[in-house]
């Protein structure tokens, strides 16, 4: 090999080495803070437009445009289709672009934009403020670590870094992804009534003072926790995806004869209504649509399960709503025998089997705790016969006499599925099931009263 050729190769290697060193230096230099730690500028400050002031968002990529705008109200889609937009999603995109700090800034763009991928931007985002000022951000390539994109402010020429996740959120968004997917939006405190309509009938709950009441298919106390959970879901319920504009009338979606129709009534009497139809093919989703829209949305089946409640699901399972310190006398008659205790001052005394002797407070308290607790589940509200539950001839009876003379009685019948037993109170026709643990505590032997 000639000396000249070796010299050329040596020069080339030196050049490559220098470029590598420069690349490493550039990478670490770009990642240096612009100011003191914690004082890096936000993109909003660099672009001169704050997220809350944005009234128009324009995204251009691959020759296509996506435009959303607002005029003092919710966001609306303008291009490529017109319709209601998901305001929360638009806000998320705008905040992701502007309300973030950047750890790199070039005040003046270099003559050669190619190393940054800004000679041919892959994405163009224009943001218009209430004042009419418009800012355009040009997105280029990614940094060596693939954690950020290089972004250039078209007006000032500044180049800065924006996180990959925030840029991709905008880049990957299409019109369907910005469509309004709201099914119900009613502040929980404003919900007065919830009606779940099904082919078999309707389940209705309504507020009663500070609590909830089951109104249909029968009137009974409601499980406040279960209803509150349902109301919480309905306060801000969104579908998972947008399916088709104006297609709700198509039989394939099953929305003409819905499996569930939900009516949420506000305190002022207005209603938010939506319906749920057929299962989506090959997906764990069901179709849904609001009553005031013909657009078809898709909802996760798991979400439907959390909404499609039965009357038994929402019915209170509290056996007795009373304070245990109101009990003056407790009597139990069961498979292990019968015993009775009465309160004297701050202590319990046996009435039987050993009249006048001290009664073990823990045994009596266990019984009172169980009868003022909750049953496992609601079985039937007004059964035609108690015999099928063994409640016509109960195996165990608990009788509690309260201050003032009122008497409360609990009846325990035959075994239900598993280790549970059927149970009912003397105050209500409803039948519930009781856990084996609760039954065993109620079925205390007379000897358990001994101190």
Protein backbone atom coordinates (compact mmCIF):
# COMPACT_ATOMS: atom_id res chain seq x y z
CA UNK A 1 0.00 0.00 0.00
CA UNK A 2 1.34 3.41 -0.95
CA UNK A 3 2.29 5.98 1.64
CA UNK A 4 -0.29 8.39 0.20
CA UNK A 5 -3.09 5.86 0.50
CA UNK A 6 -2.14 5.03 4.08
CA UNK A 7 -2.12 8.71 4.86
CA UNK A 8 -5.62 9.07 3.39
CA UNK A 9 -6.95 6.18 5.51
CA UNK A 10 -5.26 7.60 8.60
CA UNK A 11 -6.86 11.00 7.94
CA UNK A 12 -10.25 9.38 7.49
CA UNK A 13 -9.95 7.55 10.80
CA UNK A 14 -8.98 10.77 12.55
CA UNK A 15 -11.97 12.52 11.00
CA UNK A 16 -14.34 9.76 12.17
CA UNK A 17 -12.85 9.94 15.64
CA UNK A 18 -13.28 13.69 15.79
CA UNK A 19 -16.92 13.38 14.65
CA UNK A 20 -17.59 10.75 17.30
CA UNK A 21 -16.11 12.98 20.01
CA UNK A 22 -18.16 15.92 18.75
CA UNK A 23 -21.32 13.82 18.72
CA UNK A 24 -20.76 12.75 22.32
CA UNK A 25 -19.94 16.33 23.33
CA UNK A 26 -23.01 17.62 21.52
CA UNK A 27 -25.26 15.03 23.21
CA UNK A 28 -24.11 15.93 26.70
CA UNK A 29 -24.05 19.62 25.93
CA UNK A 30 -27.63 19.57 24.67
CA UNK A 31 -28.77 17.89 27.85
CA UNK A 32 -27.29 20.57 30.07
CA UNK A 33 -29.75 22.76 31.98
CA UNK A 34 -30.56 26.07 30.38
CA UNK A 35 -30.54 27.79 33.75
CA UNK A 36 -29.91 26.77 37.29
CA UNK A 37 -31.37 23.34 38.18
CA UNK A 38 -35.14 23.57 38.55
CA UNK A 39 -35.29 26.79 36.54
CA UNK A 40 -35.50 25.36 33.04
CA UNK A 41 -38.03 27.27 30.93
CA UNK A 42 -41.33 25.81 29.92
CA UNK A 43 -42.13 25.44 26.24
CA UNK A 44 -45.07 27.83 26.78
CA UNK A 45 -42.62 30.56 27.84
CA UNK A 46 -40.36 29.91 24.87
CA UNK A 47 -43.26 29.92 22.40
CA UNK A 48 -44.96 32.89 24.04
CA UNK A 49 -48.34 31.18 24.43
CA UNK A 50 -49.88 29.67 27.58
CA UNK A 51 -51.92 26.43 27.50
CA UNK A 52 -55.04 28.09 28.91
CA UNK A 53 -54.98 30.74 26.18
CA UNK A 54 -55.02 28.28 23.27
CA UNK A 55 -58.28 28.34 21.32
CA UNK A 56 -57.19 26.53 18.17
CA UNK A 57 -54.96 23.50 17.61
CA UNK A 58 -53.78 22.55 14.12
CA UNK A 59 -51.74 19.43 13.46
CA UNK A 60 -50.26 18.71 10.04
CA UNK A 61 -48.52 15.48 9.13
CA UNK A 62 -48.15 13.58 5.89
CA UNK A 63 -50.20 16.13 3.98
CA UNK A 64 -53.18 15.72 6.31
CA UNK A 65 -54.61 18.19 8.82
CA UNK A 66 -56.32 17.74 12.18
CA UNK A 67 -57.92 20.89 13.56
CA UNK A 68 -59.81 21.53 16.80
CA UNK A 69 -61.08 24.89 18.04
CA UNK A 70 -63.19 26.44 20.76
CA UNK A 71 -65.02 29.69 21.30
CA UNK A 72 -65.57 30.10 25.02
CA UNK A 73 -67.05 26.62 25.36
CA UNK A 74 -66.05 23.02 24.74
CA UNK A 75 -63.63 22.04 21.99
CA UNK A 76 -64.96 21.08 18.57
CA UNK A 77 -63.44 19.26 15.65
CA UNK A 78 -63.09 21.42 12.54
CA UNK A 79 -60.99 19.24 10.21
CA UNK A 80 -61.09 16.66 8.67
CA UNK A 81 -64.61 16.28 10.08
CA UNK A 82 -66.84 18.52 12.12
CA UNK A 83 -68.30 17.50 15.44
CA UNK A 84 -67.89 17.60 19.21
CA UNK A 85 -64.35 16.97 20.43
CA UNK A 86 -63.13 15.40 23.65
CA UNK A 87 -62.20 18.59 25.50
CA UNK A 88 -60.16 16.71 28.10
CA UNK A 89 -58.11 15.01 25.40
CA UNK A 90 -57.44 18.25 23.52
CA UNK A 91 -56.37 19.88 26.78
CA UNK A 92 -54.06 16.95 27.48
CA UNK A 93 -52.37 17.38 24.09
CA UNK A 94 -51.94 21.14 24.51
CA UNK A 95 -50.65 20.79 28.06
CA UNK A 96 -48.26 18.06 26.95
CA UNK A 97 -46.73 20.36 24.36
CA UNK A 98 -46.62 23.62 26.31
CA UNK A 99 -46.75 22.91 30.02
CA UNK A 100 -43.42 21.07 30.13
CA UNK A 101 -39.88 22.15 30.93
CA UNK A 102 -37.15 21.68 28.36
CA UNK A 103 -33.55 20.93 29.31
CA UNK A 104 -32.04 22.19 26.05
CA UNK A 105 -32.31 25.41 24.10
CA UNK A 106 -30.55 26.84 21.06
CA UNK A 107 -31.44 30.51 20.76
CA UNK A 108 -30.27 30.63 17.17
CA UNK A 109 -30.84 27.77 14.78
CA UNK A 110 -27.77 26.45 12.97
CA UNK A 111 -27.48 26.90 9.22
CA UNK A 112 -27.74 23.16 8.72
CA UNK A 113 -30.97 21.79 10.22
CA UNK A 114 -30.51 18.30 8.85
CA UNK A 115 -28.71 16.84 11.91
CA UNK A 116 -31.83 17.69 13.92
CA UNK A 117 -34.26 16.35 11.31
CA UNK A 118 -35.67 19.86 11.00
CA UNK A 119 -34.81 20.33 7.34
CA UNK A 120 -37.92 18.25 6.63
CA UNK A 121 -40.13 18.36 9.75
CA UNK A 122 -42.24 15.26 10.31
CA UNK A 123 -44.91 17.22 12.18
CA UNK A 124 -46.20 20.77 12.26
CA UNK A 125 -48.26 22.00 15.20
CA UNK A 126 -49.86 25.44 15.17
CA UNK A 127 -51.40 26.95 18.29
CA UNK A 128 -53.61 30.04 18.21
CA UNK A 129 -54.22 32.15 21.31
CA UNK A 130 -57.33 34.11 22.30
CA UNK A 131 -55.51 37.25 21.19
CA UNK A 132 -55.15 35.86 17.69
CA UNK A 133 -51.41 35.27 18.01
CA UNK A 134 -50.36 32.08 16.27
CA UNK A 135 -47.31 29.97 17.07
CA UNK A 136 -46.06 27.09 14.94
CA UNK A 137 -43.83 24.35 16.27
CA UNK A 138 -41.90 22.19 13.79
CA UNK A 139 -40.96 18.71 14.97
CA UNK A 140 -37.82 17.05 13.62
CA UNK A 141 -35.94 13.92 14.60
CA UNK A 142 -35.20 12.35 17.96
CA UNK A 143 -32.16 12.86 20.13
CA UNK A 144 -29.60 10.03 20.46
CA UNK A 145 -31.35 8.68 23.54
CA UNK A 146 -34.76 8.61 21.80
CA UNK A 147 -36.30 10.33 24.84
CA UNK A 148 -37.03 13.62 23.10
CA UNK A 149 -37.71 15.26 19.75
CA UNK A 150 -36.00 18.34 18.41
CA UNK A 151 -38.58 21.10 18.02
CA UNK A 152 -38.13 24.44 16.26
CA UNK A 153 -40.21 27.54 16.90
CA UNK A 154 -40.96 28.76 13.37
CA UNK A 155 -41.19 32.38 14.50
CA UNK A 156 -38.01 32.72 16.56
CA UNK A 157 -35.92 29.91 15.11
CA UNK A 158 -35.23 28.53 18.59
CA UNK A 159 -34.61 24.83 18.86
CA UNK A 160 -35.49 22.89 22.00
CA UNK A 161 -36.32 19.39 23.14
CA UNK A 162 -39.84 18.04 23.77
CA UNK A 163 -40.46 14.63 25.33
CA UNK A 164 -41.09 11.71 23.01
CA UNK A 165 -44.28 10.71 24.81
CA UNK A 166 -45.82 14.18 24.54
CA UNK A 167 -44.92 14.56 20.86
CA UNK A 168 -46.10 11.04 19.99
CA UNK A 169 -49.42 11.73 21.72
CA UNK A 170 -50.00 14.46 19.15
CA UNK A 171 -48.40 12.64 16.23
CA UNK A 172 -50.46 9.47 16.75
CA UNK A 173 -53.77 11.26 17.22
CA UNK A 174 -56.40 11.13 14.49
CA UNK A 175 -59.93 12.54 14.21
CA UNK A 176 -61.48 9.46 15.82
CA UNK A 177 -59.10 9.82 18.74
CA UNK A 178 -60.27 13.39 19.33
CA UNK A 179 -63.98 12.67 19.03
CA UNK A 180 -66.12 13.27 22.08
CA UNK A 181 -66.61 9.93 23.86
CA UNK A 182 -68.68 11.21 26.79
CA UNK A 183 -71.60 8.99 27.80
CA UNK A 184 -72.50 10.76 31.03
CA UNK A 185 -71.13 13.84 32.75
CA UNK A 186 -73.04 14.82 35.88
CA UNK A 187 -71.34 15.94 39.11
CA UNK A 188 -71.97 13.24 41.69
CA UNK A 189 -73.47 15.77 44.10
CA UNK A 190 -76.02 16.74 41.44
CA UNK A 191 -77.29 13.20 40.80
CA UNK A 192 -80.78 12.87 42.25
CA UNK A 193 -81.98 9.63 40.66
CA UNK A 194 -80.54 6.71 38.66
CA UNK A 195 -82.69 4.46 36.50
CA UNK A 196 -81.31 1.26 34.96
CA UNK A 197 -83.73 -0.02 32.31
CA UNK A 198 -83.39 -3.61 31.16
CA UNK A 199 -85.59 -6.01 29.17
CA UNK A 200 -86.62 -7.69 32.44
CA UNK A 201 -87.59 -4.39 34.09
CA UNK A 202 -86.14 -1.28 35.66
CA UNK A 203 -84.04 -0.75 38.76
CA UNK A 204 -84.39 2.73 40.25
CA UNK A 205 -82.62 4.39 43.16
CA UNK A 206 -83.21 7.92 44.42
CA UNK A 207 -81.83 10.17 47.10
CA UNK A 208 -83.63 10.22 50.43
CA UNK A 209 -82.10 12.92 52.55
CA UNK A 210 -78.44 12.10 52.99
CA UNK A 211 -78.97 8.46 51.98
CA UNK A 212 -80.19 6.49 48.98
CA UNK A 213 -83.41 4.50 48.64
CA UNK A 214 -84.33 1.68 46.29
CA UNK A 215 -87.55 2.74 44.55
CA UNK A 216 -88.09 0.00 41.96
CA UNK A 217 -88.77 -2.91 41.50
CA UNK A 218 -89.60 -2.60 45.19
CA UNK A 219 -89.12 0.00 47.86
CA UNK A 220 -86.35 -0.71 50.35
CA UNK A 221 -83.26 0.88 51.88
CA UNK A 222 -80.39 1.07 49.42
CA UNK A 223 -76.77 0.12 49.96
CA UNK A 224 -75.27 3.61 50.11
CA UNK A 225 -71.79 2.32 49.30
CA UNK A 226 -72.94 0.43 46.20
CA UNK A 227 -75.06 3.33 44.92
CA UNK A 228 -72.32 5.86 45.62
CA UNK A 229 -69.90 3.72 43.60
CA UNK A 230 -72.39 3.61 40.72
CA UNK A 231 -73.00 7.36 40.88
CA UNK A 232 -69.25 7.96 40.90
CA UNK A 233 -68.88 6.01 37.63
CA UNK A 234 -71.74 7.94 36.04
CA UNK A 235 -70.40 11.31 37.15
CA UNK A 236 -67.78 11.22 34.40
CA UNK A 237 -68.23 8.24 32.13
CA UNK A 238 -66.40 8.04 28.81
CA UNK A 239 -66.37 5.30 26.23
CA UNK A 240 -63.05 3.74 25.25
CA UNK A 241 -63.23 4.48 21.55
CA UNK A 242 -65.24 6.20 18.86
CA UNK A 243 -66.75 3.73 16.37
CA UNK A 244 -68.95 5.47 13.78
CA UNK A 245 -70.55 8.84 13.27
CA UNK A 246 -74.31 8.69 12.86
CA UNK A 247 -74.50 4.89 12.94
CA UNK A 248 -76.58 4.30 16.06
CA UNK A 249 -79.62 3.29 14.01
CA UNK A 250 -77.84 0.35 12.39
CA UNK A 251 -79.09 -3.06 13.64
CA UNK A 252 -75.53 -4.38 13.89
CA UNK A 253 -74.90 -2.25 16.95
CA UNK A 254 -77.97 -3.49 18.84
CA UNK A 255 -78.82 0.00 20.06
CA UNK A 256 -82.41 -0.01 18.81
CA UNK A 257 -83.27 -2.66 21.40
CA UNK A 258 -80.61 -2.00 24.05
CA UNK A 259 -79.59 -4.43 26.74
CA UNK A 260 -79.31 -1.49 29.14
CA UNK A 261 -80.59 2.08 29.13
CA UNK A 262 -79.27 4.41 31.81
CA UNK A 263 -81.08 7.58 32.87
CA UNK A 264 -79.30 9.90 35.29
CA UNK A 265 -81.56 12.63 36.67
CA UNK A 266 -80.03 15.82 38.02
CA UNK A 267 -81.40 17.85 40.93
CA UNK A 268 -82.83 20.36 38.45
CA UNK A 269 -84.78 17.62 36.68
CA UNK A 270 -82.67 17.44 33.53
CA UNK A 271 -81.43 14.05 32.38
CA UNK A 272 -78.32 12.43 30.93
CA UNK A 273 -79.31 9.31 29.00
CA UNK A 274 -77.33 6.65 27.17
CA UNK A 275 -77.92 3.10 25.99
CA UNK A 276 -75.78 -0.01 25.62
CA UNK A 277 -76.24 -2.50 22.79
CA UNK A 278 -74.53 -5.50 21.24
CA UNK A 279 -71.09 -6.90 21.94
CA UNK A 280 -68.36 -5.75 19.58
CA UNK A 281 -67.01 -8.52 17.39
CA UNK A 282 -63.67 -10.00 18.51
CA UNK A 283 -63.34 -7.40 21.28
CA UNK A 284 -64.22 -7.32 24.98
CA UNK A 285 -66.35 -4.27 24.30
CA UNK A 286 -70.00 -3.34 23.82
CA UNK A 287 -71.52 -0.60 21.68
CA UNK A 288 -73.08 2.45 23.30
CA UNK A 289 -74.62 5.78 22.34
CA UNK A 290 -76.02 8.85 24.07
CA UNK A 291 -79.70 9.66 23.61
CA UNK A 292 -78.82 13.08 22.17
CA UNK A 293 -76.39 11.66 19.60
CA UNK A 294 -76.43 9.09 16.81
CA UNK A 295 -72.68 8.48 17.09
CA UNK A 296 -71.63 4.96 18.09
CA UNK A 297 -69.06 4.45 20.84
CA UNK A 298 -67.47 1.36 22.36
CA UNK A 299 -67.34 0.60 26.07
CA UNK A 300 -65.29 -2.06 27.86
CA UNK A 301 -67.38 -5.02 29.04
CA UNK A 302 -65.86 -4.55 32.49
CA UNK A 303 -67.29 -1.05 32.62
CA UNK A 304 -70.71 -2.39 31.63
CA UNK A 305 -70.50 -4.89 34.49
CA UNK A 306 -69.89 -2.04 36.93
CA UNK A 307 -73.05 -0.30 35.64
CA UNK A 308 -75.44 -3.20 35.04
CA UNK A 309 -76.56 -3.62 38.64
CA UNK A 310 -79.53 -5.65 39.87
CA UNK A 311 -81.90 -4.55 42.59
CA UNK A 312 -80.24 -7.07 44.91
CA UNK A 313 -76.85 -5.50 44.18
CA UNK A 314 -78.11 -2.08 45.25
CA UNK A 315 -80.35 -3.15 48.14
CA UNK A 316 -79.06 -2.54 51.68
CA UNK A 317 -77.88 -5.74 53.35
CA UNK A 318 -77.79 -4.24 56.82
CA UNK A 319 -79.71 -6.56 59.13
CA UNK A 320 -80.61 -4.12 61.91
CA UNK A 321 -79.85 -0.41 61.90
CA UNK A 322 -79.44 0.14 65.61
CA UNK A 323 -76.80 1.04 68.19
CA UNK A 324 -75.70 -1.92 70.28
CA UNK A 325 -75.83 0.13 73.48
CA UNK A 326 -79.61 0.30 73.01
CA UNK A 327 -79.91 -3.43 73.69
CA UNK A 328 -81.27 -4.28 77.13
CA UNK A 329 -81.86 -8.00 76.70
CA UNK A 330 -80.46 -10.65 74.31
CA UNK A 331 -81.87 -14.16 73.90
CA UNK A 332 -80.50 -16.92 71.63
CA UNK A 333 -82.13 -20.23 70.83
CA UNK A 334 -80.21 -22.52 68.50
CA UNK A 335 -78.73 -25.97 67.87
CA UNK A 336 -76.39 -25.64 70.86
CA UNK A 337 -79.14 -24.67 73.26
CA UNK A 338 -80.83 -21.52 74.59
CA UNK A 339 -79.56 -18.71 76.74
CA UNK A 340 -80.56 -15.17 77.71
CA UNK A 341 -78.79 -12.19 79.21
CA UNK A 342 -79.91 -8.77 80.39
CA UNK A 343 -78.02 -5.55 81.00
CA UNK A 344 -77.61 -4.34 84.57
CA UNK A 345 -75.80 -1.06 84.76
CA UNK A 346 -72.64 -1.50 82.79
CA UNK A 347 -72.57 -5.29 82.96
CA UNK A 348 -74.46 -8.27 81.54
CA UNK A 349 -76.17 -10.78 83.81
CA UNK A 350 -77.55 -14.18 82.88
CA UNK A 351 -81.30 -14.72 82.84
CA UNK A 352 -80.79 -18.33 81.85
CA UNK A 353 -79.37 -20.89 82.25
CA UNK A 354 -77.80 -19.46 85.47
CA UNK A 355 -80.07 -16.62 86.55
CA UNK A 356 -78.35 -13.74 88.26
CA UNK A 357 -74.81 -14.84 87.48
CA UNK A 358 -72.47 -12.63 85.43
CA UNK A 359 -72.66 -13.15 81.67
CA UNK A 360 -69.53 -13.02 79.55
CA UNK A 361 -69.71 -9.64 77.78
CA UNK A 362 -67.70 -10.84 74.77
CA UNK A 363 -70.27 -13.53 73.94
CA UNK A 364 -73.18 -11.07 74.08
CA UNK A 365 -71.24 -8.40 72.18
CA UNK A 366 -70.41 -10.89 69.42
CA UNK A 367 -74.11 -11.59 68.91
CA UNK A 368 -74.97 -7.88 68.86
CA UNK A 369 -72.13 -7.18 66.43
CA UNK A 370 -73.38 -9.79 63.95
CA UNK A 371 -77.04 -8.76 63.98
CA UNK A 372 -76.12 -5.11 63.40
CA UNK A 373 -73.72 -6.06 60.59
CA UNK A 374 -74.42 -6.86 56.95
CA UNK A 375 -75.60 -10.05 55.32
CA UNK A 376 -73.54 -11.68 52.56
CA UNK A 377 -76.09 -11.08 49.84
CA UNK A 378 -79.75 -10.31 49.16
CA UNK A 379 -81.73 -13.32 47.91
CA UNK A 380 -85.39 -12.31 47.65
CA UNK A 381 -87.42 -9.30 48.72
CA UNK A 382 -90.91 -10.71 49.19
CA UNK A 383 -90.80 -14.50 48.74
CA UNK A 384 -94.13 -16.30 48.36
CA UNK A 385 -93.01 -18.91 50.86
CA UNK A 386 -90.44 -18.95 53.64
CA UNK A 387 -90.41 -22.74 53.70
CA UNK A 388 -87.95 -23.05 50.80
CA UNK A 389 -85.44 -21.14 52.91
CA UNK A 390 -86.16 -23.04 56.12
CA UNK A 391 -87.38 -19.82 57.69
CA UNK A 392 -90.86 -21.13 58.52
CA UNK A 393 -89.15 -23.25 61.17
CA UNK A 394 -85.81 -21.52 61.86
CA UNK A 395 -82.87 -23.42 63.32
CA UNK A 396 -81.73 -20.37 65.25
CA UNK A 397 -83.51 -17.33 66.62
CA UNK A 398 -82.00 -14.20 68.14
CA UNK A 399 -84.32 -11.87 70.05
CA UNK A 400 -83.13 -8.46 71.23
CA UNK A 401 -85.17 -6.18 73.48
CA UNK A 402 -84.24 -2.50 73.24
CA UNK A 403 -84.59 0.38 75.65
CA UNK A 404 -88.20 1.44 75.50
CA UNK A 405 -89.45 -2.11 74.93
CA UNK A 406 -89.07 -2.51 71.16
CA UNK A 407 -88.19 -6.07 70.12
CA UNK A 408 -85.97 -7.10 67.19
CA UNK A 409 -85.77 -10.68 65.98
CA UNK A 410 -83.43 -12.49 63.60
CA UNK A 411 -84.35 -15.86 62.08
CA UNK A 412 -81.76 -18.23 60.62
CA UNK A 413 -82.90 -21.02 58.29
CA UNK A 414 -81.40 -23.88 56.32
CA UNK A 415 -78.01 -23.86 54.61
CA UNK A 416 -77.73 -21.97 51.33
CA UNK A 417 -74.99 -22.45 48.76
CA UNK A 418 -71.56 -23.07 50.23
CA UNK A 419 -71.37 -22.61 53.98
CA UNK A 420 -73.87 -19.77 54.15
CA UNK A 421 -77.36 -19.85 55.62
CA UNK A 422 -80.60 -18.11 54.77
CA UNK A 423 -81.62 -15.39 57.20
CA UNK A 424 -84.29 -12.72 57.64
CA UNK A 425 -85.29 -10.15 60.21
CA UNK A 426 -88.67 -9.74 61.80
CA UNK A 427 -88.82 -6.17 60.47
CA UNK A 428 -88.62 -7.06 56.79
CA UNK A 429 -89.87 -9.73 54.38
CA UNK A 430 -86.46 -9.79 52.64
CA UNK A 431 -84.33 -12.93 52.70
CA UNK A 432 -80.53 -12.75 52.81
CA UNK A 433 -77.65 -15.13 53.31
CA UNK A 434 -75.33 -15.10 56.31
CA UNK A 435 -71.72 -16.30 56.39
CA UNK A 436 -70.71 -19.41 58.32
CA UNK A 437 -68.46 -17.25 60.53
CA UNK A 438 -71.41 -15.03 61.50
CA UNK A 439 -73.67 -18.04 62.10
CA UNK A 440 -71.08 -19.68 64.34
CA UNK A 441 -70.82 -16.54 66.46
CA UNK A 442 -74.62 -16.35 66.80
CA UNK A 443 -74.82 -20.05 67.62
CA UNK A 444 -73.02 -19.66 70.91
CA UNK A 445 -73.63 -22.39 73.48
CA UNK A 446 -75.04 -21.48 76.92
CA UNK A 447 -71.67 -22.43 78.40
CA UNK A 448 -70.12 -19.55 76.40
CA UNK A 449 -71.88 -17.15 78.83
CA UNK A 450 -69.76 -18.26 81.75
CA UNK A 451 -67.22 -15.69 82.86
